Protein backbone atom coordinates (compact mmCIF):
# COMPACT_ATOMS: atom_id res chain seq x y z
CA MET A 1 -2.99 10.97 -14.85
CA ASN A 2 -0.09 8.27 -14.08
CA THR A 3 -1.24 5.48 -11.88
CA ILE A 4 0.63 5.34 -8.82
CA ALA A 5 2.00 1.66 -7.96
CA ASN A 6 0.94 0.13 -4.50
CA THR A 7 2.86 -2.14 -2.36
CA SER A 8 1.95 -4.20 0.62
CA ALA A 9 3.55 -5.76 3.57
CA ILE A 10 2.94 -7.43 6.94
CA ARG A 11 5.19 -6.37 9.63
CA ASP A 12 5.67 -6.95 13.31
CA PHE A 13 4.89 -4.08 15.70
CA GLN A 14 4.83 -4.46 19.62
CA GLY A 15 3.75 -8.26 19.00
CA PHE A 16 1.19 -7.66 16.52
CA ALA A 17 0.97 -8.21 12.80
CA VAL A 18 0.45 -4.79 10.91
CA HIS A 19 -0.74 -4.98 7.59
CA THR A 20 0.45 -1.86 5.43
CA LEU A 21 -0.23 -0.51 2.18
CA ARG A 22 1.27 2.43 0.46
CA ASN A 23 2.26 4.19 -2.64
CA GLY A 24 3.69 7.47 -3.58
CA ARG A 25 1.09 9.53 -1.88
CA VAL A 26 -0.39 7.62 0.97
CA ALA A 27 0.85 5.03 3.65
CA LEU A 28 -1.62 3.13 6.03
CA ALA A 29 -1.27 0.61 8.63
CA VAL A 30 -3.99 -1.59 10.05
CA ILE A 31 -3.98 -4.35 12.73
CA PRO A 32 -6.73 -6.95 12.21
CA GLU A 33 -6.21 -8.31 15.47
CA LEU A 34 -7.27 -5.17 17.05
CA GLY A 35 -10.40 -4.55 15.76
CA ALA A 36 -9.02 -4.00 12.13
CA ARG A 37 -8.11 -0.54 13.45
CA PHE A 38 -5.88 1.74 11.51
CA ILE A 39 -3.03 2.99 13.61
CA SER A 40 -1.30 5.15 11.05
CA LEU A 41 -2.58 7.03 7.85
CA LYS A 42 0.13 9.32 6.48
CA ASP A 43 0.32 11.78 3.63
CA LEU A 44 3.79 11.06 2.08
CA GLN A 45 3.93 14.26 0.16
CA THR A 46 3.31 16.68 3.45
CA GLN A 47 4.61 14.14 5.79
CA ARG A 48 1.49 14.50 7.87
CA GLU A 49 0.29 11.92 10.08
CA TRP A 50 -3.17 12.12 10.55
CA LEU A 51 -4.17 9.69 13.26
CA TRP A 52 -3.86 10.40 16.73
CA HIS A 53 -2.60 8.32 19.72
CA PRO A 54 -1.83 9.41 23.55
CA GLY A 55 1.68 10.18 24.33
CA GLU A 56 4.77 10.42 22.06
CA ASN A 57 5.04 6.60 21.53
CA MET A 58 2.07 4.32 20.67
CA ASP A 59 1.29 1.79 23.36
CA LEU A 60 -0.96 -1.25 21.69
CA PHE A 61 -2.46 -3.93 23.91
CA LYS A 62 -5.46 -5.87 23.69
CA ASN A 63 -8.73 -5.32 25.51
CA GLN A 64 -11.61 -7.56 27.12
CA PRO A 65 -15.01 -7.47 25.79
CA SER A 66 -16.22 -5.56 28.56
CA ASP A 67 -13.56 -3.06 28.82
CA ALA A 68 -14.47 0.75 28.38
CA PHE A 69 -13.24 2.36 25.30
CA SER A 70 -11.30 5.07 27.29
CA ASP A 71 -9.07 2.06 28.72
CA SER A 72 -8.16 1.09 25.02
CA PRO A 73 -5.01 1.99 23.35
CA LEU A 74 -7.00 5.16 21.98
CA ALA A 75 -4.93 4.84 18.89
CA GLY A 76 -6.01 5.67 15.20
CA MET A 77 -9.47 4.94 13.67
CA ASP A 78 -11.58 2.00 14.59
CA GLU A 79 -15.31 0.71 13.73
CA CYS A 80 -18.30 1.20 16.00
CA LEU A 81 -20.95 -1.77 15.61
CA PRO A 82 -23.80 -2.14 16.90
CA THR A 83 -23.71 0.72 19.23
CA ILE A 84 -21.41 3.29 20.45
CA LEU A 85 -22.85 4.13 24.08
CA PRO A 86 -23.26 0.81 26.16
CA CYS A 87 -26.86 0.03 26.46
CA THR A 88 -29.57 -3.05 26.55
CA TRP A 89 -31.53 -3.59 23.29
CA ARG A 90 -33.81 -6.61 23.03
CA GLY A 91 -32.35 -7.93 26.30
CA ARG A 92 -28.75 -7.81 24.88
CA LYS A 93 -26.04 -5.94 26.93
CA LEU A 94 -24.14 -4.11 24.38
CA PRO A 95 -20.67 -2.97 25.27
CA ASP A 96 -19.00 0.48 25.18
CA HIS A 97 -18.34 1.44 21.59
CA GLY A 98 -20.04 -1.75 20.37
CA GLU A 99 -17.97 -5.30 20.34
CA VAL A 100 -15.76 -4.93 16.94
CA TRP A 101 -13.15 -2.57 17.84
CA ASN A 102 -11.48 -4.65 20.52
CA ARG A 103 -12.02 -8.39 18.89
CA SER A 104 -9.67 -9.92 16.24
CA TRP A 105 -11.05 -9.81 12.72
CA GLU A 106 -10.22 -12.64 10.02
CA VAL A 107 -8.19 -11.65 6.93
CA ASP A 108 -8.77 -12.95 3.59
CA THR A 109 -5.49 -14.17 2.71
CA ASP A 110 -6.11 -14.67 -1.11
CA ALA A 111 -7.56 -10.82 -1.48
CA TRP A 112 -4.31 -9.59 0.62
CA GLN A 113 -1.98 -11.24 -2.16
CA GLU A 114 -3.90 -8.85 -4.71
CA GLY A 115 -3.19 -5.94 -2.35
CA ILE A 116 -6.63 -5.78 -0.90
CA LEU A 117 -7.24 -5.96 2.78
CA LYS A 118 -10.52 -8.00 3.22
CA THR A 119 -11.30 -8.34 7.01
CA SER A 120 -14.46 -9.75 8.61
CA ILE A 121 -15.73 -10.76 12.00
CA ARG A 122 -18.76 -12.69 13.48
CA LEU A 123 -20.44 -10.55 16.26
CA LYS A 124 -21.48 -12.35 19.36
CA SER A 125 -24.22 -9.81 20.60
CA ALA A 126 -26.32 -10.20 17.37
CA PRO A 127 -26.48 -12.62 14.30
CA PHE A 128 -24.25 -10.53 12.39
CA THR A 129 -21.22 -10.98 10.15
CA PHE A 130 -19.29 -7.90 9.37
CA GLU A 131 -16.91 -7.48 6.42
CA ARG A 132 -14.65 -4.36 5.16
CA ILE A 133 -12.70 -4.22 2.17
CA LEU A 134 -9.92 -1.84 2.00
CA GLU A 135 -8.43 -0.77 -1.38
CA LEU A 136 -5.82 1.95 -1.67
CA GLU A 137 -5.83 3.80 -5.22
CA GLU A 138 -3.93 6.98 -5.62
CA GLY A 139 -4.48 9.41 -2.93
CA GLU A 140 -7.86 7.48 -1.68
CA ILE A 141 -8.48 4.84 0.55
CA GLN A 142 -11.85 3.06 -0.50
CA LEU A 143 -13.70 1.14 2.08
CA ASN A 144 -16.66 -1.01 1.19
CA TYR A 145 -18.88 -2.57 4.18
CA LYS A 146 -21.23 -5.47 4.17
CA LEU A 147 -23.24 -6.43 7.11
CA SER A 148 -25.17 -9.99 7.10
CA ASN A 149 -28.05 -10.79 9.19
CA LEU A 150 -27.83 -14.48 9.59
CA GLY A 151 -31.16 -14.38 11.98
CA SER A 152 -34.61 -15.17 11.35
CA THR A 153 -35.87 -11.90 12.30
CA GLU A 154 -34.96 -8.20 11.31
CA GLU A 155 -32.20 -6.64 13.22
CA HIS A 156 -31.34 -3.18 14.03
CA PHE A 157 -27.74 -1.54 14.15
CA LEU A 158 -25.79 1.60 14.87
CA TRP A 159 -22.62 1.89 12.79
CA ALA A 160 -20.10 4.80 12.92
CA VAL A 161 -16.41 5.02 11.76
CA HIS A 162 -14.36 6.21 14.56
CA PRO A 163 -11.18 8.31 13.45
CA LEU A 164 -9.10 9.96 16.36
CA LEU A 165 -7.34 12.85 14.18
CA ARG A 166 -4.44 14.94 15.27
CA LEU A 167 -5.05 18.75 15.44
CA LYS A 168 -2.52 21.13 13.91
CA ALA A 169 -2.41 24.81 14.27
CA GLY A 170 -4.40 26.10 11.16
CA ASP A 171 -6.57 23.19 10.76
CA ARG A 172 -10.21 24.22 9.53
CA LEU A 173 -13.24 22.03 9.28
CA GLU A 174 -14.92 22.15 5.97
CA LEU A 175 -18.60 21.05 5.74
CA PRO A 176 -21.49 21.68 3.11
CA GLY A 177 -23.62 24.64 3.84
CA SER A 178 -26.34 22.32 4.30
CA THR A 179 -24.69 20.27 6.99
CA ARG A 180 -23.65 23.48 8.83
CA GLN A 181 -27.21 24.63 8.98
CA LEU A 182 -28.09 21.62 10.73
CA LEU A 183 -25.60 22.12 13.15
CA ASN A 184 -27.02 25.66 13.77
CA GLY A 185 -23.59 27.15 12.31
CA ALA A 186 -21.38 24.78 14.35
CA ASP A 187 -19.59 27.88 15.97
CA TRP A 188 -18.50 25.43 18.86
CA VAL A 189 -16.31 23.53 16.32
CA ASP A 190 -14.77 26.50 14.83
CA ASP A 191 -13.74 27.90 18.25
CA VAL A 192 -12.29 24.77 19.62
CA PHE A 193 -10.27 24.19 16.37
CA SER A 194 -8.27 27.37 17.35
CA ALA A 195 -4.97 26.88 19.43
CA GLY A 196 -6.49 29.25 22.30
CA ALA A 197 -9.76 27.13 22.59
CA PRO A 198 -11.15 26.55 26.13
CA GLN A 199 -10.50 23.17 27.74
CA ASN A 200 -13.56 21.30 26.84
CA CYS A 201 -15.22 18.54 24.76
CA ALA A 202 -18.39 18.21 22.71
CA LYS A 203 -20.20 16.07 20.13
CA ALA A 204 -22.95 16.90 18.24
CA PHE A 205 -24.83 15.45 15.32
CA ALA A 206 -26.04 16.52 11.88
CA HIS A 207 -29.11 14.87 10.63
CA PRO A 208 -30.34 14.22 7.85
CA VAL A 209 -27.40 15.31 5.97
CA SER A 210 -27.79 15.65 2.30
CA GLU A 211 -24.42 15.98 1.14
CA GLY A 212 -22.06 13.17 2.16
CA TRP A 213 -18.77 14.87 2.77
CA ALA A 214 -16.57 16.60 5.43
CA ALA A 215 -12.88 17.43 5.45
CA VAL A 216 -10.05 19.10 7.65
CA ASN A 217 -8.12 21.45 5.43
CA ASN A 218 -4.96 23.43 6.54
CA ASP A 219 -4.07 26.27 4.03
CA THR A 220 -0.81 26.86 5.69
CA THR A 221 0.79 23.39 5.38
CA GLY A 222 -1.24 22.15 2.55
CA ASP A 223 -2.62 19.24 4.26
CA ARG A 224 -6.21 18.06 3.43
CA LEU A 225 -8.21 14.92 4.62
CA ARG A 226 -11.67 14.40 3.12
CA PHE A 227 -14.39 11.86 4.16
CA ALA A 228 -17.18 11.21 1.57
CA TRP A 229 -20.05 8.66 1.78
CA ASP A 230 -23.61 8.40 0.26
CA PRO A 231 -25.82 10.09 2.59
CA VAL A 232 -28.67 7.92 1.41
CA GLN A 233 -26.78 4.97 3.14
CA ASN A 234 -25.54 6.94 6.09
CA SER A 235 -27.64 10.19 6.64
CA SER A 236 -25.92 11.45 10.05
CA LEU A 237 -22.56 12.87 10.81
CA GLY A 238 -21.02 13.03 14.13
CA LEU A 239 -18.49 15.48 15.06
CA TRP A 240 -16.59 14.98 18.26
CA ILE A 241 -13.70 17.24 19.62
CA THR A 242 -11.78 17.24 22.90
CA ARG A 243 -9.56 20.24 24.01
CA GLY A 244 -8.31 18.73 27.15
CA GLY A 245 -12.03 18.25 28.46
CA TRP A 246 -11.75 14.19 27.83
CA HIS A 247 -8.96 12.70 29.98
CA GLY A 248 -6.84 15.85 29.09
CA TYR A 249 -6.50 14.98 25.49
CA HIS A 250 -6.60 16.94 22.37
CA HIS A 251 -8.14 15.40 19.28
CA PHE A 252 -10.82 15.44 16.73
CA ALA A 253 -13.13 13.03 15.03
CA ILE A 254 -15.47 12.95 11.86
CA GLU A 255 -17.69 10.21 12.04
CA PRO A 256 -20.27 9.14 9.36
CA SER A 257 -23.01 7.33 10.73
CA ASN A 258 -26.36 5.82 10.06
CA ALA A 259 -27.88 7.02 13.35
CA ASP A 260 -28.11 10.53 15.26
CA HIS A 261 -27.49 9.17 18.64
CA ASP A 262 -24.64 7.28 20.18
CA CYS A 263 -26.91 4.66 21.72
CA LEU A 264 -28.64 1.97 19.81
CA ALA A 265 -31.71 1.76 21.81
CA THR A 266 -32.42 5.36 21.73
CA ALA A 267 -31.65 5.67 17.92
CA SER A 268 -34.01 2.22 17.44
CA ALA A 269 -36.85 3.91 19.26
CA ARG A 270 -36.26 7.13 16.89
CA ASN A 271 -36.36 4.78 13.75
CA ARG A 272 -32.90 6.62 13.06
CA CYS A 273 -30.68 3.43 12.65
CA GLY A 274 -29.93 0.63 10.23
CA VAL A 275 -32.06 -2.14 9.82
CA VAL A 276 -31.27 -5.49 8.05
CA ALA A 277 -33.85 -7.85 7.01
CA ALA A 278 -33.89 -11.44 7.95
CA ASN A 279 -31.50 -13.57 6.09
CA SER A 280 -30.29 -10.63 4.29
CA SER A 281 -27.15 -7.96 3.77
CA VAL A 282 -27.01 -4.26 3.66
CA ALA A 283 -23.62 -2.55 1.97
CA TRP A 284 -22.16 0.83 2.08
CA GLN A 285 -19.19 2.62 1.12
CA LEU A 286 -16.88 5.39 2.69
CA THR A 287 -13.90 7.00 0.85
CA LEU A 288 -10.98 8.89 2.64
CA ARG A 289 -9.01 11.10 0.54
CA VAL A 290 -5.76 12.54 1.34
CA GLY A 291 -4.47 15.89 -0.26
CA SER A 292 -6.17 17.84 -2.87
CA GLU A 293 -8.86 16.47 -5.29
CA GLU A 294 -7.18 17.81 -8.15
CA PRO A 295 -5.10 15.50 -10.24
């Protein structure tokens, strides 16, 4: 198999520095200043843009730490840590969708010179530093995460990746059979994937998953996007869909996570969340693959 050469660049978009990586198969764009969010993930062979945003034109802006996620640009894929739902845990008031989606992340300039986007952020709500290393290889986007606890006591956390995906006619959700059993067949997902689905929105969790993958496939267009992760590291899969039921929007999200609830306080009480020992770190990986897995 021939190696596809990568190129990297920084461009300005609406006043924000956009870090772009691309090769002959995939083009992606990330804005470290806006929570290191992906604003574009494009399959260059089929020309499909996988990431969703409201309206025809993307409108980017900064948010305040206390803002509701629904008042954000709602563009693309971001990171949720240390909670999704706002809650109080150990006396700490944790904001909606966590605190890393609306803050600026630092960029490792040395890594960027090598075509690797390494970003990090120090949390304010907990003694954490959070790091993500992004590399593009052929049709795969490889994400390596590291969460370090700088405190003297163990800390609990909830993490989920939060990609808002565009829906197209013919899209079909692919899941391992074992995951579908945990979702009781997930009939509601198949129903709302259809063009004539009722105006509704829903979220469901599969836990504990024994196979760490999920994909959206379209046999008509040849489009495919696959998420893969280690189920030992992250044992839950969240699925969110809105067919006009949430603010009138239509999109879908595949959310690998370490918890089966959006609230850290609830997940911690169930002992179903991440734990980092004092003065220690945990690491995990996520791979997004665009297109077929065949070479």
